[in-house]
Protein backbone atom coordinates (compact mmCIF):
# COMPACT_ATOMS: atom_id res chain seq x y z
CA MET A 1 21.27 23.56 12.93
CA LEU A 2 22.61 27.14 12.99
CA THR A 3 26.16 27.21 11.59
CA LEU A 4 28.86 29.97 12.07
CA THR A 5 31.21 31.65 9.48
CA GLU A 6 34.70 32.08 10.31
CA ASN A 7 34.15 35.62 10.86
CA ALA A 8 31.17 34.99 13.10
CA ASP A 9 33.35 32.45 15.16
CA ALA A 10 36.13 35.04 15.67
CA VAL A 11 33.64 37.87 16.53
CA VAL A 12 31.70 35.81 19.12
CA THR A 13 35.13 34.54 20.60
CA THR A 14 36.22 38.15 20.78
CA ILE A 15 32.98 39.49 22.47
CA VAL A 16 32.84 36.73 25.00
CA GLY A 17 36.40 36.93 26.02
CA ARG A 18 35.97 40.61 26.64
CA GLU A 19 33.14 39.99 29.11
CA ASP A 20 35.42 37.91 31.35
CA ALA A 21 32.06 35.73 32.06
CA GLY A 22 33.98 32.46 32.44
CA ALA A 23 35.18 29.34 30.77
CA GLU A 24 31.55 28.21 30.00
CA ALA A 25 30.37 31.67 28.66
CA GLY A 26 28.85 32.19 25.15
CA LEU A 27 26.74 34.50 23.13
CA ARG A 28 23.14 33.87 23.66
CA ILE A 29 20.59 34.39 20.89
CA GLN A 30 16.91 34.75 21.81
CA THR A 31 13.75 36.10 19.79
CA ALA A 32 13.13 39.71 20.37
CA GLU A 33 9.70 41.49 20.45
CA GLY A 34 8.30 42.99 17.10
CA GLN A 35 9.21 42.11 13.53
CA GLY A 36 11.78 43.24 11.13
CA PRO A 37 10.69 45.35 8.03
CA ASN A 38 9.82 42.49 6.07
CA GLY A 39 7.98 40.73 8.77
CA GLU A 40 10.96 38.39 9.68
CA ALA A 41 11.80 37.41 13.13
CA ARG A 42 14.00 39.75 15.16
CA PHE A 43 16.54 38.49 17.55
CA ALA A 44 18.56 39.74 20.76
CA VAL A 45 22.01 38.81 21.46
CA HIS A 46 23.75 38.88 25.15
CA VAL A 47 26.87 37.27 26.67
CA VAL A 48 25.88 34.88 29.29
CA PRO A 49 27.90 32.81 31.77
CA THR A 50 26.05 29.51 30.78
CA PRO A 51 23.38 28.38 28.66
CA GLU A 52 19.60 28.16 29.89
CA PRO A 53 18.59 24.33 30.55
CA ALA A 54 16.64 24.37 27.15
CA ASP A 55 19.05 26.23 25.19
CA VAL A 56 20.57 24.41 22.22
CA VAL A 57 24.34 24.84 22.22
CA VAL A 58 26.36 25.48 18.98
CA GLU A 59 30.08 25.06 19.07
CA GLY A 60 32.18 26.88 16.87
CA GLN A 61 36.14 26.76 16.57
CA GLY A 62 36.60 28.77 19.48
CA SER A 63 33.06 30.14 20.43
CA ARG A 64 29.84 28.88 22.04
CA VAL A 65 26.61 30.08 20.77
CA PHE A 66 23.35 29.36 22.97
CA LEU A 67 20.08 29.35 21.06
CA GLU A 68 16.77 29.82 22.95
CA ASP A 69 14.63 27.05 21.71
CA VAL A 70 12.28 29.46 19.50
CA ALA A 71 15.25 31.02 17.95
CA ALA A 72 16.80 27.47 17.34
CA ASP A 73 13.61 26.66 15.39
CA ALA A 74 13.53 29.72 13.45
CA LEU A 75 17.61 29.51 12.66
CA SER A 76 17.82 25.69 12.08
CA ASP A 77 18.73 26.20 8.45
CA LYS A 78 20.61 29.47 8.59
CA VAL A 79 24.32 30.61 8.76
CA LEU A 80 25.63 33.42 11.45
CA ASP A 81 27.89 35.82 9.84
CA ALA A 82 29.37 38.79 11.43
CA GLY A 83 31.43 41.68 10.81
CA VAL A 84 33.15 44.61 12.52
CA ASP A 85 32.93 48.22 10.83
CA GLU A 86 35.74 50.96 11.09
CA GLN A 87 34.38 52.35 14.40
CA GLY A 88 34.49 49.02 15.96
CA ALA A 89 30.67 48.15 15.77
CA VAL A 90 29.65 44.78 15.39
CA SER A 91 26.88 43.45 13.19
CA PHE A 92 25.67 40.18 12.83
CA THR A 93 23.92 38.67 9.45
CA ILE A 94 21.72 35.54 9.10
CA LEU A 95 22.19 33.91 5.87
CA ALA A 96 20.70 30.91 4.18
CA GLN A 97 22.68 27.57 4.41
CA PRO A 98 24.22 26.88 0.94
CA ALA A 99 22.02 23.87 -0.80
């Protein structure tokens, strides 16, 4: 199952909190059209008030991430990391889980 780094947990908590989407809100990750430059899957993220019925819910320390079923399969052995640059732009990185 996808896991979150401490940075990702903090960033997701902040993003969802800014949206004022409610206590059950979370960040939803779903597959996006097209492929990345190396043929890898692409993903889109959105703050949503509740998960879809088929979503896999990943609970962080203070965050909730909802994975569309196809995204959940693709990310089952990955780690979600996040960072914020000097201009405040958020970037997410998908890493391999340590062995």
